[in-house]
Protein backbone atom coordinates (compact mmCIF):
# COMPACT_ATOMS: atom_id res chain seq x y z
CA MET A 1 -15.97 -15.75 13.61
CA LYS A 2 -15.77 -12.06 14.39
CA LYS A 3 -16.50 -9.58 11.65
CA SER A 4 -13.81 -7.12 10.64
CA GLY A 5 -14.63 -3.98 12.53
CA GLN A 6 -14.99 -5.71 15.86
CA ASN A 7 -12.15 -5.33 18.32
CA THR A 8 -10.10 -8.53 18.01
CA GLU A 9 -7.51 -9.38 20.64
CA ILE A 10 -4.14 -10.02 19.06
CA VAL A 11 -2.55 -13.07 20.65
CA GLY A 12 -1.03 -16.38 19.69
CA ASP A 13 0.62 -16.93 16.34
CA VAL A 14 0.97 -13.24 15.40
CA ARG A 15 3.88 -12.08 17.51
CA SER A 16 5.16 -9.14 15.48
CA ILE A 17 4.17 -7.00 12.51
CA SER A 18 6.10 -4.91 10.02
CA PHE A 19 4.90 -1.81 8.18
CA ILE A 20 6.72 -1.25 4.90
CA VAL A 21 6.46 2.15 3.23
CA PRO A 22 7.96 2.59 -0.26
CA ALA A 23 8.93 6.21 -0.84
CA TRP A 24 10.43 8.42 -3.49
CA ASN A 25 10.75 12.17 -2.80
CA GLU A 26 7.96 12.16 -0.21
CA GLU A 27 9.39 14.68 2.27
CA SER A 28 6.18 16.74 2.28
CA ILE A 29 3.83 13.93 3.34
CA LEU A 30 5.85 11.10 4.86
CA GLY A 31 5.84 12.38 8.46
CA PRO A 32 2.06 12.18 8.99
CA THR A 33 2.02 8.73 7.35
CA ILE A 34 4.57 7.37 9.83
CA ASP A 35 2.84 9.08 12.75
CA ALA A 36 -0.47 7.47 11.78
CA ILE A 37 1.20 4.05 11.64
CA LYS A 38 2.78 4.60 15.06
CA SER A 39 -0.55 5.66 16.53
CA ALA A 40 -2.27 2.55 15.17
CA ALA A 41 0.52 0.21 16.27
CA ARG A 42 0.63 1.67 19.77
CA GLN A 43 -2.69 0.02 20.59
CA LEU A 44 -1.64 -3.47 19.49
CA ALA A 45 -0.51 -6.24 21.81
CA VAL A 46 2.34 -7.20 19.48
CA THR A 47 5.71 -5.70 18.65
CA SER A 48 5.97 -3.66 15.48
CA GLU A 49 8.46 -1.91 13.24
CA ILE A 50 8.26 0.66 10.47
CA ILE A 51 10.54 0.35 7.46
CA VAL A 52 10.76 3.07 4.82
CA ALA A 53 12.18 1.78 1.54
CA ASP A 54 13.71 4.99 0.22
CA ASP A 55 13.98 4.45 -3.51
CA SER A 56 16.43 6.96 -5.02
CA SER A 57 15.03 10.03 -3.25
CA THR A 58 16.82 13.33 -3.84
CA ASP A 59 15.06 15.24 -1.05
CA GLN A 60 14.88 14.79 2.72
CA THR A 61 12.69 11.68 2.67
CA ALA A 62 15.21 9.49 4.51
CA ASP A 63 15.93 12.12 7.17
CA ILE A 64 12.24 12.65 7.87
CA ALA A 65 11.69 8.90 8.12
CA VAL A 66 14.41 8.62 10.76
CA GLU A 67 13.15 11.68 12.65
CA HIS A 68 9.72 10.06 12.93
CA GLY A 69 11.08 6.75 14.19
CA ALA A 70 11.25 4.59 11.07
CA ARG A 71 14.13 2.42 9.88
CA VAL A 72 15.35 3.33 6.40
CA VAL A 73 16.35 0.88 3.70
CA ARG A 74 17.99 2.67 0.79
CA VAL A 75 17.53 1.23 -2.69
CA GLN A 76 18.09 2.40 -6.25
CA HIS A 77 15.31 0.76 -8.25
CA ARG A 78 12.81 3.52 -9.15
CA GLN A 79 10.18 0.85 -9.17
CA ILE A 80 7.59 0.48 -6.45
CA ALA A 81 7.35 -3.32 -6.57
CA ALA A 82 11.10 -3.73 -6.15
CA ALA A 83 11.13 -1.12 -3.36
CA ARG A 84 8.41 -2.98 -1.50
CA ASN A 85 10.32 -6.24 -1.85
CA ALA A 86 13.50 -4.61 -0.55
CA GLY A 87 11.68 -3.35 2.52
CA ALA A 88 10.09 -6.75 3.12
CA LYS A 89 13.48 -8.45 2.85
CA GLN A 90 14.62 -6.47 5.90
CA ALA A 91 11.38 -6.97 7.86
CA HIS A 92 11.02 -9.27 10.86
CA GLY A 93 7.24 -9.37 11.28
CA ASP A 94 4.93 -12.37 11.07
CA VAL A 95 2.52 -10.10 9.15
CA LEU A 96 3.63 -7.52 6.58
CA PHE A 97 1.67 -4.33 5.93
CA PHE A 98 2.49 -2.41 2.74
CA VAL A 99 1.38 1.20 3.13
CA ASP A 100 1.90 3.94 0.55
CA ALA A 101 3.80 7.02 1.67
CA ASP A 102 0.73 9.20 1.15
CA THR A 103 -1.73 7.00 3.04
CA LEU A 104 -3.06 7.39 6.59
CA ILE A 105 -4.00 4.14 8.29
CA ASN A 106 -5.77 3.63 11.62
CA GLU A 107 -6.01 1.18 14.49
CA GLU A 108 -9.32 -0.28 13.30
CA VAL A 109 -8.01 -1.43 9.91
CA VAL A 110 -4.86 -2.97 11.42
CA GLN A 111 -6.82 -4.76 14.13
CA ALA A 112 -9.26 -6.09 11.54
CA ALA A 113 -6.44 -7.27 9.28
CA ILE A 114 -4.65 -9.18 12.02
CA GLY A 115 -7.95 -10.60 13.23
CA CYS A 116 -8.51 -12.05 9.74
CA VAL A 117 -4.99 -13.48 9.67
CA ARG A 118 -5.64 -15.20 13.00
CA GLN A 119 -8.76 -16.69 11.44
CA GLY A 120 -6.80 -18.14 8.53
CA ALA A 121 -6.53 -15.43 5.87
CA VAL A 122 -3.24 -15.24 3.97
CA GLY A 123 -3.68 -11.54 3.25
CA GLY A 124 -5.96 -8.80 2.04
CA GLY A 125 -6.68 -5.15 1.48
CA CYS A 126 -9.34 -2.64 2.45
CA ARG A 127 -11.54 0.16 1.20
CA PHE A 128 -9.94 3.54 0.56
CA GLN A 129 -10.99 7.16 0.37
CA PHE A 130 -9.16 10.04 -1.28
CA ASP A 131 -8.42 13.06 0.87
CA GLY A 132 -9.28 16.66 0.15
CA ARG A 133 -11.19 18.10 -2.78
CA ILE A 134 -10.97 16.18 -6.04
CA PRO A 135 -12.83 16.67 -9.34
CA LEU A 136 -16.28 15.17 -9.78
CA TYR A 137 -15.03 12.63 -12.32
CA ALA A 138 -12.49 11.51 -9.73
CA ARG A 139 -15.22 10.92 -7.15
CA ILE A 140 -17.01 8.76 -9.71
CA LEU A 141 -13.79 6.84 -10.44
CA GLU A 142 -13.22 6.41 -6.71
CA ALA A 143 -16.67 4.91 -6.16
CA MET A 144 -16.27 2.61 -9.16
CA ALA A 145 -12.78 1.50 -8.15
CA VAL A 146 -13.74 0.68 -4.57
CA ARG A 147 -16.66 -1.47 -5.73
CA LEU A 148 -14.67 -3.12 -8.51
CA TYR A 149 -11.74 -3.99 -6.27
CA ARG A 150 -14.08 -5.52 -3.71
CA PHE A 151 -16.03 -7.46 -6.37
CA VAL A 152 -12.89 -8.82 -8.05
CA GLY A 153 -11.17 -9.35 -4.71
CA ILE A 154 -7.97 -7.38 -5.13
CA ALA A 155 -6.34 -4.82 -2.87
CA GLY A 156 -5.77 -1.18 -3.74
CA GLY A 157 -2.09 -0.29 -3.92
CA CYS A 158 -2.21 2.06 -0.94
CA PHE A 159 -2.79 -0.75 1.60
CA LEU A 160 -2.08 -4.48 1.31
CA PHE A 161 -1.22 -6.99 4.02
CA CYS A 162 -0.14 -10.62 4.05
CA THR A 163 1.59 -13.16 6.23
CA ARG A 164 5.34 -13.48 5.96
CA GLU A 165 4.93 -17.10 4.89
CA ALA A 166 2.54 -16.18 2.09
CA PHE A 167 4.80 -13.36 0.89
CA ASP A 168 7.73 -15.74 0.63
CA ARG A 169 5.71 -18.44 -1.10
CA VAL A 170 4.61 -16.11 -3.91
CA ASN A 171 8.11 -14.56 -4.12
CA GLY A 172 6.85 -11.12 -3.21
CA PHE A 173 5.67 -8.49 -5.65
CA ASP A 174 6.40 -9.03 -9.33
CA ALA A 175 9.43 -6.78 -9.87
CA GLN A 176 8.90 -6.84 -13.63
CA LEU A 177 5.76 -4.73 -13.25
CA TYR A 178 5.97 -0.94 -13.00
CA ALA A 179 2.29 -0.61 -12.08
CA ALA A 180 -0.65 -2.78 -11.02
CA GLU A 181 1.74 -4.92 -8.98
CA GLU A 182 -0.76 -4.93 -6.12
CA GLY A 183 -3.33 -6.56 -8.39
CA ALA A 184 -0.88 -9.27 -9.43
CA MET A 185 0.09 -9.78 -5.79
CA SER A 186 -3.56 -10.04 -4.74
CA LEU A 187 -4.21 -12.73 -7.34
CA ALA A 188 -1.10 -14.65 -6.35
CA LEU A 189 -2.13 -14.60 -2.69
CA ARG A 190 -5.67 -15.66 -3.55
CA ARG A 191 -4.27 -18.78 -5.16
CA LEU A 192 -2.69 -19.66 -1.81
CA GLY A 193 -5.70 -19.17 0.41
CA ARG A 194 -8.34 -16.74 1.69
CA PHE A 195 -7.76 -13.14 0.62
CA VAL A 196 -10.05 -10.58 2.25
CA ILE A 197 -11.15 -7.02 1.49
CA LEU A 198 -11.93 -5.35 4.80
CA ARG A 199 -14.91 -3.10 5.44
CA GLU A 200 -12.60 -0.69 7.25
CA SER A 201 -10.95 2.01 5.17
CA VAL A 202 -7.80 4.10 4.95
CA ARG A 203 -7.41 7.63 3.66
CA THR A 204 -5.01 8.13 0.78
CA SER A 205 -3.89 11.21 -1.08
CA GLY A 206 -5.89 12.50 -4.02
CA ARG A 207 -2.94 14.61 -5.21
CA LYS A 208 -2.60 12.82 -8.57
CA LEU A 209 -6.28 13.45 -9.26
CA ARG A 210 -5.82 17.12 -8.38
CA THR A 211 -2.57 17.71 -10.27
CA CYS A 212 -3.07 15.55 -13.38
CA SER A 213 -5.58 16.03 -16.16
CA LEU A 214 -8.33 13.54 -16.95
CA ARG A 215 -6.42 12.52 -20.08
CA GLU A 216 -3.27 11.87 -18.05
CA ILE A 217 -5.26 9.69 -15.66
CA LEU A 218 -7.17 7.67 -18.25
CA THR A 219 -4.42 7.12 -20.84
CA PRO A 220 -2.31 4.67 -18.81
CA ILE A 221 -5.45 2.93 -17.54
CA ALA A 222 -6.62 2.42 -21.14
CA ARG A 223 -3.20 1.11 -22.14
CA ILE A 224 -3.26 -1.39 -19.30
CA VAL A 225 -6.73 -2.57 -20.36
CA PHE A 226 -5.77 -3.01 -24.02
CA HIS A 227 -2.16 -4.15 -23.72
CA GLY A 228 -2.11 -5.92 -20.36
CA THR A 229 1.14 -6.93 -18.70
CA ARG A 230 3.17 -6.09 -21.81
CA TYR A 231 2.56 -2.41 -21.15
CA LEU A 232 3.18 -2.79 -17.42
CA ARG A 233 6.73 -4.09 -17.93
CA ASN A 234 8.07 -0.78 -19.20
CA ARG A 235 8.32 2.53 -17.34
CA HIS A 236 7.62 4.45 -20.56
CA GLY A 237 4.25 6.15 -20.36
CA MET A 238 4.07 5.70 -16.59
CA GLU A 239 4.59 9.36 -15.69
CA ILE A 240 1.51 9.40 -13.50
CA TRP A 241 3.42 7.07 -11.17
CA TYR A 242 7.04 7.86 -11.98
CA GLY A 243 7.00 11.47 -13.16
CA ASP A 244 8.18 14.46 -11.17
CA ARG A 245 6.10 15.48 -8.17
CA ARG A 246 3.71 18.34 -8.87
CA PRO A 247 2.74 20.89 -6.21
CA ASP A 248 -0.51 19.97 -4.49
CA HIS A 249 -2.23 23.08 -3.13
CA ASN A 250 -5.08 21.19 -1.47
């Protein structure tokens, strides 16, 4: 068995892959995200597609997606789990990659993911790093989160992959959850089979950590810890994920 990080030839049962990017008012950052996906996919010996699930955007998100070569699926959910499911419904790939609109992936992480699928994994995630300058407390949270996710065996929301078959068997992301849907999805996939956390990493935006206060960051996390899924089933108090975009001067 090859370790993730080695160059794995993509042949056989994985014939095509789909990248699904949920987006809401992401005109300022979506272009580089799609370009990074295209660059990674260009090196693969399989066909690929990029689907942007444009969820109620009021800016030029959809236009930018098309300009950069993605296919746009327009939805009106204002919920990331439902947007991801809508994109997946239109996807044709044997393996589905869910990539946040503010996340830059690379060839190494995609190759490693598909290598693990060929070796029997039903899905997985990877390490992540925040871009730019973020507060010290955020660096501490980042280090803790990366280790915790790997220890518990769940994927960070910015990058999750799974086989089409596994996605269908767990009925996709839980559309009743307004946050932490990637954790629920990870656990559901783990019940099906091997779920891996890759050594490779992606770079995701630290804009929330730069534009929100420590209190704004910790309050919803504390509510999730103390109230569990009951809190996650309501958009109220979820402004860190569903509030208006704030200027990021990084």
